[in-house]
PDB file of N, CA and C in Angstrom:
ATOM      1  N   UNK A   1     -20.920  41.520   8.185  1.00  0.00           N
ATOM      2  CA  UNK A   1     -22.606  41.526   8.036  1.00  0.00           C
ATOM      3  C   UNK A   1     -23.182  41.836   8.716  1.00  0.00           C
ATOM      4  N   UNK A   2     -24.536  42.744   7.871  1.00  0.00           N
ATOM      5  CA  UNK A   2     -25.544  43.286   8.202  1.00  0.00           C
ATOM      6  C   UNK A   2     -26.589  41.796   8.798  1.00  0.00           C
ATOM      7  N   UNK A   3     -27.154  42.244   9.386  1.00  0.00           N
ATOM      8  CA  UNK A   3     -28.558  41.682  10.008  1.00  0.00           C
ATOM      9  C   UNK A   3     -30.070  42.632   9.869  1.00  0.00           C
ATOM     10  N   UNK A   4     -30.584  42.015   9.264  1.00  0.00           N
ATOM     11  CA  UNK A   4     -32.082  42.416   8.393  1.00  0.00           C
ATOM     12  C   UNK A   4     -33.401  41.847   9.654  1.00  0.00           C
ATOM     13  N   UNK A   5     -33.879  42.280  10.155  1.00  0.00           N
ATOM     14  CA  UNK A   5     -35.191  41.803  10.538  1.00  0.00           C
ATOM     15  C   UNK A   5     -36.433  42.323   9.884  1.00  0.00           C
ATOM     16  N   UNK A   6     -37.537  41.333   9.147  1.00  0.00           N
ATOM     17  CA  UNK A   6     -38.721  42.366   9.136  1.00  0.00           C
ATOM     18  C   UNK A   6     -39.707  41.775  10.163  1.00  0.00           C
ATOM     19  N   UNK A   7     -40.576  42.775  10.894  1.00  0.00           N
ATOM     20  CA  UNK A   7     -41.242  42.618  11.571  1.00  0.00           C
ATOM     21  C   UNK A   7     -42.709  43.009  10.914  1.00  0.00           C
ATOM     22  N   UNK A   8     -43.907  42.187  11.018  1.00  0.00           N
ATOM     23  CA  UNK A   8     -44.838  42.430  10.604  1.00  0.00           C
ATOM     24  C   UNK A   8     -45.754  42.580  11.555  1.00  0.00           C
ATOM     25  N   UNK A   9     -46.229  43.738  12.098  1.00  0.00           N
ATOM     26  CA  UNK A   9     -47.115  43.810  13.208  1.00  0.00           C
ATOM     27  C   UNK A   9     -48.673  43.666  12.905  1.00  0.00           C
ATOM     28  N   UNK A  10     -49.673  42.825  13.076  1.00  0.00           N
ATOM     29  CA  UNK A  10     -50.584  42.922  12.473  1.00  0.00           C
ATOM     30  C   UNK A  10     -51.725  42.812  14.187  1.00  0.00           C
ATOM     31  N   UNK A  11     -52.881  43.667  13.546  1.00  0.00           N
ATOM     32  CA  UNK A  11     -53.570  44.041  14.606  1.00  0.00           C
ATOM     33  C   UNK A  11     -55.311  43.890  14.548  1.00  0.00           C
ATOM     34  N   UNK A  12     -55.956  45.006  14.913  1.00  0.00           N
ATOM     35  CA  UNK A  12     -57.218  45.335  14.191  1.00  0.00           C
ATOM     36  C   UNK A  12     -57.605  46.737  14.964  1.00  0.00           C
ATOM     37  N   UNK A  13     -58.699  47.136  14.212  1.00  0.00           N
ATOM     38  CA  UNK A  13     -58.905  48.163  14.182  1.00  0.00           C
ATOM     39  C   UNK A  13     -58.034  49.391  13.937  1.00  0.00           C
ATOM     40  N   UNK A  14     -57.094  49.315  13.308  1.00  0.00           N
ATOM     41  CA  UNK A  14     -55.804  50.563  13.042  1.00  0.00           C
ATOM     42  C   UNK A  14     -54.519  50.177  14.397  1.00  0.00           C
ATOM     43  N   UNK A  15     -55.150  49.116  15.312  1.00  0.00           N
ATOM     44  CA  UNK A  15     -54.113  49.493  16.158  1.00  0.00           C
ATOM     45  C   UNK A  15     -52.291  48.995  15.918  1.00  0.00           C
ATOM     46  N   UNK A  16     -51.987  48.620  14.786  1.00  0.00           N
ATOM     47  CA  UNK A  16     -50.707  48.225  14.142  1.00  0.00           C
ATOM     48  C   UNK A  16     -49.815  49.673  13.813  1.00  0.00           C
ATOM     49  N   UNK A  17     -50.895  50.252  13.193  1.00  0.00           N
ATOM     50  CA  UNK A  17     -50.518  51.468  13.138  1.00  0.00           C
ATOM     51  C   UNK A  17     -50.623  52.857  14.214  1.00  0.00           C
ATOM     52  N   UNK A  18     -51.576  52.404  15.054  1.00  0.00           N
ATOM     53  CA  UNK A  18     -51.481  53.431  16.629  1.00  0.00           C
ATOM     54  C   UNK A  18     -49.987  52.816  17.248  1.00  0.00           C
ATOM     55  N   UNK A  19     -49.848  51.568  17.563  1.00  0.00           N
ATOM     56  CA  UNK A  19     -48.730  51.130  17.579  1.00  0.00           C
ATOM     57  C   UNK A  19     -47.110  52.005  17.653  1.00  0.00           C
ATOM     58  N   UNK A  20     -47.133  52.194  15.970  1.00  0.00           N
ATOM     59  CA  UNK A  20     -46.042  52.558  15.580  1.00  0.00           C
ATOM     60  C   UNK A  20     -45.995  53.989  15.679  1.00  0.00           C
ATOM     61  N   UNK A  21     -47.246  54.646  15.529  1.00  0.00           N
ATOM     62  CA  UNK A  21     -47.264  55.982  15.603  1.00  0.00           C
ATOM     63  C   UNK A  21     -46.905  56.274  17.208  1.00  0.00           C
ATOM     64  N   UNK A  22     -46.934  55.423  18.212  1.00  0.00           N
ATOM     65  CA  UNK A  22     -46.737  55.635  19.454  1.00  0.00           C
ATOM     66  C   UNK A  22     -45.407  55.347  19.499  1.00  0.00           C
ATOM     67  N   UNK A  23     -44.992  54.459  19.204  1.00  0.00           N
ATOM     68  CA  UNK A  23     -43.314  54.239  18.822  1.00  0.00           C
ATOM     69  C   UNK A  23     -42.537  55.427  18.675  1.00  0.00           C
ATOM     70  N   UNK A  24     -42.801  56.243  17.540  1.00  0.00           N
ATOM     71  CA  UNK A  24     -42.397  57.547  17.172  1.00  0.00           C
ATOM     72  C   UNK A  24     -42.820  58.425  18.138  1.00  0.00           C
ATOM     73  N   UNK A  25     -44.160  59.085  18.202  1.00  0.00           N
ATOM     74  CA  UNK A  25     -44.089  60.116  19.582  1.00  0.00           C
ATOM     75  C   UNK A  25     -43.900  59.557  20.543  1.00  0.00           C
ATOM     76  N   UNK A  26     -43.261  58.242  20.953  1.00  0.00           N
ATOM     77  CA  UNK A  26     -43.000  58.454  22.874  1.00  0.00           C
ATOM     78  C   UNK A  26     -41.515  58.626  22.602  1.00  0.00           C
ATOM     79  N   UNK A  27     -41.098  58.374  21.493  1.00  0.00           N
ATOM     80  CA  UNK A  27     -39.024  58.444  21.118  1.00  0.00           C
ATOM     81  C   UNK A  27     -38.478  57.320  21.791  1.00  0.00           C
ATOM     82  N   UNK A  28     -39.256  56.126  21.447  1.00  0.00           N
ATOM     83  CA  UNK A  28     -38.492  55.077  21.693  1.00  0.00           C
ATOM     84  C   UNK A  28     -37.637  54.432  20.051  1.00  0.00           C
ATOM     85  N   UNK A  29     -38.496  55.318  18.849  1.00  0.00           N
ATOM     86  CA  UNK A  29     -37.782  54.917  17.760  1.00  0.00           C
ATOM     87  C   UNK A  29     -36.464  55.839  17.673  1.00  0.00           C
ATOM     88  N   UNK A  30     -36.282  56.972  18.085  1.00  0.00           N
ATOM     89  CA  UNK A  30     -35.002  57.665  18.482  1.00  0.00           C
ATOM     90  C   UNK A  30     -34.266  57.425  18.924  1.00  0.00           C
ATOM     91  N   UNK A  31     -34.395  56.390  20.023  1.00  0.00           N
ATOM     92  CA  UNK A  31     -33.438  55.704  20.797  1.00  0.00           C
ATOM     93  C   UNK A  31     -33.126  54.354  20.081  1.00  0.00           C
ATOM     94  N   UNK A  32     -33.702  53.681  19.585  1.00  0.00           N
ATOM     95  CA  UNK A  32     -33.167  52.903  19.114  1.00  0.00           C
ATOM     96  C   UNK A  32     -31.949  52.944  17.482  1.00  0.00           C
ATOM     97  N   UNK A  33     -32.735  54.271  17.243  1.00  0.00           N
ATOM     98  CA  UNK A  33     -31.615  54.493  15.709  1.00  0.00           C
ATOM     99  C   UNK A  33     -30.668  54.854  16.762  1.00  0.00           C
ATOM    100  N   UNK A  34     -30.198  55.745  17.997  1.00  0.00           N
ATOM    101  CA  UNK A  34     -28.830  55.909  18.546  1.00  0.00           C
ATOM    102  C   UNK A  34     -28.526  54.683  18.701  1.00  0.00           C
ATOM    103  N   UNK A  35     -28.627  53.603  19.146  1.00  0.00           N
ATOM    104  CA  UNK A  35     -28.214  52.526  19.775  1.00  0.00           C
ATOM    105  C   UNK A  35     -26.785  51.950  18.762  1.00  0.00           C
ATOM    106  N   UNK A  36     -25.848  51.759  19.542  1.00  0.00           N
ATOM    107  CA  UNK A  36     -24.486  51.441  19.040  1.00  0.00           C
ATOM    108  C   UNK A  36     -24.741  49.918  17.963  1.00  0.00           C
ATOM    109  N   UNK A  37     -24.657  50.339  16.852  1.00  0.00           N
ATOM    110  CA  UNK A  37     -25.440  48.986  15.529  1.00  0.00           C
ATOM    111  C   UNK A  37     -26.180  48.986  14.588  1.00  0.00           C
ATOM    112  N   UNK A  38     -27.058  50.203  15.078  1.00  0.00           N
ATOM    113  CA  UNK A  38     -28.219  50.028  14.594  1.00  0.00           C
ATOM    114  C   UNK A  38     -28.325  50.823  13.233  1.00  0.00           C
ATOM    115  N   UNK A  39     -28.635  50.192  12.296  1.00  0.00           N
ATOM    116  CA  UNK A  39     -28.736  50.902  11.144  1.00  0.00           C
ATOM    117  C   UNK A  39     -29.223  51.125  10.110  1.00  0.00           C
ATOM    118  N   UNK A  40     -30.732  50.983  10.819  1.00  0.00           N
ATOM    119  CA  UNK A  40     -32.020  51.164   9.890  1.00  0.00           C
ATOM    120  C   UNK A  40     -33.093  51.361  11.002  1.00  0.00           C
ATOM    121  N   UNK A  41     -34.592  51.344  10.782  1.00  0.00           N
ATOM    122  CA  UNK A  41     -35.309  50.922  12.366  1.00  0.00           C
ATOM    123  C   UNK A  41     -36.615  52.291  11.447  1.00  0.00           C
ATOM    124  N   UNK A  42     -37.477  51.414  10.402  1.00  0.00           N
ATOM    125  CA  UNK A  42     -38.320  52.243   9.886  1.00  0.00           C
ATOM    126  C   UNK A  42     -39.529  51.302   9.617  1.00  0.00           C
ATOM    127  N   UNK A  43     -41.067  52.343  10.192  1.00  0.00           N
ATOM    128  CA  UNK A  43     -41.809  51.621  10.083  1.00  0.00           C
ATOM    129  C   UNK A  43     -42.668  51.694   8.397  1.00  0.00           C
ATOM    130  N   UNK A  44     -43.073  50.665   7.765  1.00  0.00           N
ATOM    131  CA  UNK A  44     -44.298  50.558   6.028  1.00  0.00           C
ATOM    132  C   UNK A  44     -45.237  50.065   6.661  1.00  0.00           C
ATOM    133  N   UNK A  45     -46.170  51.177   5.848  1.00  0.00           N
ATOM    134  CA  UNK A  45     -47.789  50.332   5.612  1.00  0.00           C
ATOM    135  C   UNK A  45     -48.541  50.160   4.443  1.00  0.00           C
ATOM    136  N   UNK A  46     -48.338  48.225   4.363  1.00  0.00           N
ATOM    137  CA  UNK A  46     -49.010  47.312   3.339  1.00  0.00           C
ATOM    138  C   UNK A  46     -49.832  48.168   2.526  1.00  0.00           C
ATOM    139  N   UNK A  47     -50.191  48.379   1.411  1.00  0.00           N
ATOM    140  CA  UNK A  47     -51.496  49.221   0.867  1.00  0.00           C
ATOM    141  C   UNK A  47     -52.519  48.387   0.724  1.00  0.00           C
ATOM    142  N   UNK A  48     -52.043  47.035   0.424  1.00  0.00           N
ATOM    143  CA  UNK A  48     -53.241  45.141   0.751  1.00  0.00           C
ATOM    144  C   UNK A  48     -53.636  45.217   1.899  1.00  0.00           C
ATOM    145  N   UNK A  49     -52.901  45.988   3.035  1.00  0.00           N
ATOM    146  CA  UNK A  49     -53.702  45.606   4.258  1.00  0.00           C
ATOM    147  C   UNK A  49     -53.484  46.399   5.414  1.00  0.00           C
ATOM    148  N   UNK A  50     -54.520  46.574   5.346  1.00  0.00           N
ATOM    149  CA  UNK A  50     -54.575  48.019   6.777  1.00  0.00           C
ATOM    150  C   UNK A  50     -54.327  47.685   7.836  1.00  0.00           C
ATOM    151  N   UNK A  51     -54.499  46.658   7.968  1.00  0.00           N
ATOM    152  CA  UNK A  51     -54.554  46.308   9.674  1.00  0.00           C
ATOM    153  C   UNK A  51     -52.631  45.912   9.748  1.00  0.00           C
ATOM    154  N   UNK A  52     -52.062  46.114   9.681  1.00  0.00           N
ATOM    155  CA  UNK A  52     -50.276  45.498   9.247  1.00  0.00           C
ATOM    156  C   UNK A  52     -49.701  46.298   9.122  1.00  0.00           C
ATOM    157  N   UNK A  53     -48.524  46.482   9.584  1.00  0.00           N
ATOM    158  CA  UNK A  53     -47.294  47.277   9.720  1.00  0.00           C
ATOM    159  C   UNK A  53     -46.314  46.406   9.847  1.00  0.00           C
ATOM    160  N   UNK A  54     -45.368  47.324   8.546  1.00  0.00           N
ATOM    161  CA  UNK A  54     -44.026  46.520   8.795  1.00  0.00           C
ATOM    162  C   UNK A  54     -42.958  47.600   9.023  1.00  0.00           C
ATOM    163  N   UNK A  55     -42.487  46.589  10.557  1.00  0.00           N
ATOM    164  CA  UNK A  55     -40.980  47.261  10.505  1.00  0.00           C
ATOM    165  C   UNK A  55     -39.550  46.701  10.002  1.00  0.00           C
ATOM    166  N   UNK A  56     -38.630  47.373   9.387  1.00  0.00           N
ATOM    167  CA  UNK A  56     -37.186  46.804   8.708  1.00  0.00           C
ATOM    168  C   UNK A  56     -36.768  47.500   9.768  1.00  0.00           C
ATOM    169  N   UNK A  57     -35.817  46.455  10.378  1.00  0.00           N
ATOM    170  CA  UNK A  57     -35.186  46.959  11.061  1.00  0.00           C
ATOM    171  C   UNK A  57     -33.570  46.145  10.861  1.00  0.00           C
ATOM    172  N   UNK A  58     -32.341  47.575  10.841  1.00  0.00           N
ATOM    173  CA  UNK A  58     -31.525  46.378  10.336  1.00  0.00           C
ATOM    174  C   UNK A  58     -30.209  46.786  11.217  1.00  0.00           C
ATOM    175  N   UNK A  59     -29.188  45.898  11.809  1.00  0.00           N
ATOM    176  CA  UNK A  59     -28.424  46.165  12.648  1.00  0.00           C
ATOM    177  C   UNK A  59     -27.193  45.481  12.126  1.00  0.00           C
ATOM    178  N   UNK A  60     -25.480  46.290  12.530  1.00  0.00           N
ATOM    179  CA  UNK A  60     -24.453  46.048  12.398  1.00  0.00           C
ATOM    180  C   UNK A  60     -23.983  44.548  12.130  1.00  0.00           C
ATOM    181  N   UNK A  61     -24.582  43.483  12.970  1.00  0.00           N
ATOM    182  CA  UNK A  61     -23.563  41.842  13.268  1.00  0.00           C
ATOM    183  C   UNK A  61     -24.774  41.495  14.995  1.00  0.00           C
ATOM    184  N   UNK A  62     -24.848  40.418  14.953  1.00  0.00           N
ATOM    185  CA  UNK A  62     -25.726  39.362  15.760  1.00  0.00           C
ATOM    186  C   UNK A  62     -25.243  40.148  17.689  1.00  0.00           C
ATOM    187  N   UNK A  63     -24.191  41.020  17.529  1.00  0.00           N
ATOM    188  CA  UNK A  63     -23.710  41.029  18.970  1.00  0.00           C
ATOM    189  C   UNK A  63     -24.211  42.322  19.278  1.00  0.00           C
ATOM    190  N   UNK A  64     -24.978  43.253  18.018  1.00  0.00           N
ATOM    191  CA  UNK A  64     -25.448  44.358  18.223  1.00  0.00           C
ATOM    192  C   UNK A  64     -26.903  44.093  18.926  1.00  0.00           C
ATOM    193  N   UNK A  65     -27.439  43.199  17.950  1.00  0.00           N
ATOM    194  CA  UNK A  65     -28.773  42.503  18.444  1.00  0.00           C
ATOM    195  C   UNK A  65     -28.475  42.428  19.521  1.00  0.00           C
ATOM    196  N   UNK A  66     -28.023  41.513  19.811  1.00  0.00           N
ATOM    197  CA  UNK A  66     -28.281  40.813  21.164  1.00  0.00           C
ATOM    198  C   UNK A  66     -28.470  41.506  22.119  1.00  0.00           C
ATOM    199  N   UNK A  67     -27.203  42.599  22.390  1.00  0.00           N
ATOM    200  CA  UNK A  67     -27.453  44.170  22.992  1.00  0.00           C
ATOM    201  C   UNK A  67     -28.599  44.495  23.177  1.00  0.00           C
ATOM    202  N   UNK A  68     -29.338  44.852  21.991  1.00  0.00           N
ATOM    203  CA  UNK A  68     -30.717  45.736  21.705  1.00  0.00           C
ATOM    204  C   UNK A  68     -31.778  44.858  22.218  1.00  0.00           C
ATOM    205  N   UNK A  69     -31.809  43.524  22.415  1.00  0.00           N
ATOM    206  CA  UNK A  69     -33.010  42.733  22.668  1.00  0.00           C
ATOM    207  C   UNK A  69     -32.832  42.196  24.154  1.00  0.00           C
ATOM    208  N   UNK A  70     -31.678  42.390  24.966  1.00  0.00           N
ATOM    209  CA  UNK A  70     -31.415  42.828  26.366  1.00  0.00           C
ATOM    210  C   UNK A  70     -31.475  44.202  27.155  1.00  0.00           C
ATOM    211  N   UNK A  71     -32.195  45.074  26.008  1.00  0.00           N
ATOM    212  CA  UNK A  71     -32.223  46.614  25.914  1.00  0.00           C
ATOM    213  C   UNK A  71     -33.206  46.908  27.280  1.00  0.00           C
ATOM    214  N   UNK A  72     -33.610  47.546  27.874  1.00  0.00           N
ATOM    215  CA  UNK A  72     -34.720  47.981  28.592  1.00  0.00           C
ATOM    216  C   UNK A  72     -35.941  48.643  27.738  1.00  0.00           C
ATOM    217  N   UNK A  73     -35.597  48.875  26.578  1.00  0.00           N
ATOM    218  CA  UNK A  73     -36.231  49.449  25.318  1.00  0.00           C
ATOM    219  C   UNK A  73     -37.277  48.005  24.649  1.00  0.00           C
ATOM    220  N   UNK A  74     -36.810  47.054  24.821  1.00  0.00           N
ATOM    221  CA  UNK A  74     -37.715  45.770  24.692  1.00  0.00           C
ATOM    222  C   UNK A  74     -38.763  45.691  25.482  1.00  0.00           C
ATOM    223  N   UNK A  75     -38.710  45.766  27.340  1.00  0.00           N
ATOM    224  CA  UNK A  75     -39.854  45.945  28.034  1.00  0.00           C
ATOM    225  C   UNK A  75     -40.715  46.824  27.298  1.00  0.00           C
ATOM    226  N   UNK A  76     -40.375  48.086  27.208  1.00  0.00           N
ATOM    227  CA  UNK A  76     -41.532  49.088  26.770  1.00  0.00           C
ATOM    228  C   UNK A  76     -41.753  48.603  25.290  1.00  0.00           C
ATOM    229  N   UNK A  77     -41.064  48.199  24.634  1.00  0.00           N
ATOM    230  CA  UNK A  77     -41.892  47.625  23.126  1.00  0.00           C
ATOM    231  C   UNK A  77     -42.523  46.704  23.131  1.00  0.00           C
ATOM    232  N   UNK A  78     -42.402  45.775  24.317  1.00  0.00           N
ATOM    233  CA  UNK A  78     -43.389  44.426  24.352  1.00  0.00           C
ATOM    234  C   UNK A  78     -45.021  45.500  25.213  1.00  0.00           C
ATOM    235  N   UNK A  79     -44.594  46.041  25.748  1.00  0.00           N
ATOM    236  CA  UNK A  79     -45.935  46.593  27.145  1.00  0.00           C
ATOM    237  C   UNK A  79     -46.734  47.478  25.641  1.00  0.00           C
ATOM    238  N   UNK A  80     -46.458  47.949  24.777  1.00  0.00           N
ATOM    239  CA  UNK A  80     -47.408  48.939  23.914  1.00  0.00           C
ATOM    240  C   UNK A  80     -47.868  47.560  22.847  1.00  0.00           C
ATOM    241  N   UNK A  81     -47.023  46.485  22.686  1.00  0.00           N
ATOM    242  CA  UNK A  81     -47.720  45.704  21.949  1.00  0.00           C
ATOM    243  C   UNK A  81     -48.752  44.434  22.244  1.00  0.00           C
ATOM    244  N   UNK A  82     -48.203  44.730  24.215  1.00  0.00           N
ATOM    245  CA  UNK A  82     -49.453  43.920  24.500  1.00  0.00           C
ATOM    246  C   UNK A  82     -50.723  45.158  24.445  1.00  0.00           C
ATOM    247  N   UNK A  83     -50.580  46.710  25.157  1.00  0.00           N
ATOM    248  CA  UNK A  83     -51.759  47.580  24.548  1.00  0.00           C
ATOM    249  C   UNK A  83     -52.391  47.613  23.694  1.00  0.00           C
ATOM    250  N   UNK A  84     -51.797  47.348  22.559  1.00  0.00           N
ATOM    251  CA  UNK A  84     -52.430  47.109  20.717  1.00  0.00           C
ATOM    252  C   UNK A  84     -53.291  46.054  20.592  1.00  0.00           C
ATOM    253  N   UNK A  85     -52.885  44.801  21.404  1.00  0.00           N
ATOM    254  CA  UNK A  85     -52.848  43.427  21.042  1.00  0.00           C
ATOM    255  C   UNK A  85     -52.636  42.700  19.945  1.00  0.00           C
ATOM    256  N   UNK A  86     -51.085  43.011  19.607  1.00  0.00           N
ATOM    257  CA  UNK A  86     -50.684  42.844  18.646  1.00  0.00           C
ATOM    258  C   UNK A  86     -49.936  41.130  17.600  1.00  0.00           C
ATOM    259  N   UNK A  87     -50.050  40.676  17.062  1.00  0.00           N
ATOM    260  CA  UNK A  87     -49.428  39.433  16.942  1.00  0.00           C
ATOM    261  C   UNK A  87     -48.334  39.775  15.850  1.00  0.00           C
ATOM    262  N   UNK A  88     -47.172  39.051  15.940  1.00  0.00           N
ATOM    263  CA  UNK A  88     -46.379  39.422  14.883  1.00  0.00           C
ATOM    264  C   UNK A  88     -45.666  37.852  14.044  1.00  0.00           C
ATOM    265  N   UNK A  89     -45.232  38.911  13.435  1.00  0.00           N
ATOM    266  CA  UNK A  89     -44.492  37.658  12.097  1.00  0.00           C
ATOM    267  C   UNK A  89     -43.079  38.038  11.775  1.00  0.00           C
ATOM    268  N   UNK A  90     -42.066  37.528  12.394  1.00  0.00           N
ATOM    269  CA  UNK A  90     -41.296  37.736  12.515  1.00  0.00           C
ATOM    270  C   UNK A  90     -39.842  36.822  10.707  1.00  0.00           C
ATOM    271  N   UNK A  91     -38.791  37.960  10.163  1.00  0.00           N
ATOM    272  CA  UNK A  91     -38.122  37.385   9.198  1.00  0.00           C
ATOM    273  C   UNK A  91     -36.745  37.698   9.494  1.00  0.00           C
ATOM    274  N   UNK A  92     -35.861  36.493   9.079  1.00  0.00           N
ATOM    275  CA  UNK A  92     -34.762  37.184   9.972  1.00  0.00           C
ATOM    276  C   UNK A  92     -33.489  37.221   8.136  1.00  0.00           C
ATOM    277  N   UNK A  93     -32.889  38.128   8.320  1.00  0.00           N
ATOM    278  CA  UNK A  93     -32.182  38.017   6.659  1.00  0.00           C
ATOM    279  C   UNK A  93     -30.636  38.313   7.249  1.00  0.00           C
ATOM    280  N   UNK A  94     -29.524  37.685   6.664  1.00  0.00           N
ATOM    281  CA  UNK A  94     -28.028  37.986   6.597  1.00  0.00           C
ATOM    282  C   UNK A  94     -27.668  38.271   5.587  1.00  0.00           C
ATOM    283  N   UNK A  95     -26.834  39.274   5.604  1.00  0.00           N
ATOM    284  CA  UNK A  95     -26.357  40.237   4.203  1.00  0.00           C
ATOM    285  C   UNK A  95     -25.093  39.769   4.181  1.00  0.00           C
ATOM    286  N   UNK A  96     -24.909  39.461   2.390  1.00  0.00           N
ATOM    287  CA  UNK A  96     -23.365  38.481   2.298  1.00  0.00           C
ATOM    288  C   UNK A  96     -22.141  39.919   2.854  1.00  0.00           C
ATOM    289  N   UNK A  97     -20.879  39.334   3.075  1.00  0.00           N
ATOM    290  CA  UNK A  97     -20.204  40.065   3.225  1.00  0.00           C
ATOM    291  C   UNK A  97     -19.818  40.476   1.523  1.00  0.00           C
ATOM    292  N   UNK A  98     -19.127  41.678   1.263  1.00  0.00           N
ATOM    293  CA  UNK A  98     -18.959  42.175  -0.020  1.00  0.00           C
ATOM    294  C   UNK A  98     -17.850  41.370  -0.514  1.00  0.00           C
ATOM    295  N   UNK A  99     -16.813  40.669  -0.062  1.00  0.00           N
ATOM    296  CA  UNK A  99     -16.153  39.806  -0.269  1.00  0.00           C
ATOM    297  C   UNK A  99     -16.796  38.704  -0.741  1.00  0.00           C
ATOM    298  N   UNK A 100     -17.694  38.144  -0.519  1.00  0.00           N
ATOM    299  CA  UNK A 100     -18.647  37.310  -1.163  1.00  0.00           C
ATOM    300  C   UNK A 100     -19.262  37.230  -2.090  1.00  0.00           C
ATOM    301  N   UNK A 101     -19.527  38.620  -2.625  1.00  0.00           N
ATOM    302  CA  UNK A 101     -20.542  38.647  -3.581  1.00  0.00           C
ATOM    303  C   UNK A 101     -19.974  38.827  -5.093  1.00  0.00           C
TER     304      UNK A 101
END
């Protein structure tokens, strides 16, 4: 059962996009994508809200997500989030096992 997390980063003056670009350019995104159990880590820009960035983050299971949350990268992400003065809204979804579909 995969777990999908939608994180909406909201800021001012383009800071959410600057955050996403720095996450990519600094290599943090590549490192997260290489973590055991990561299935997706992608940023999207809503057409009707220039100050928000959506991250879709999917993990194989809760254990993989827990390991990610305890990693050193979480400190780096928090530092960047603070640097750009972002607020977050988080949504979490569990996929159904194929057996239950």
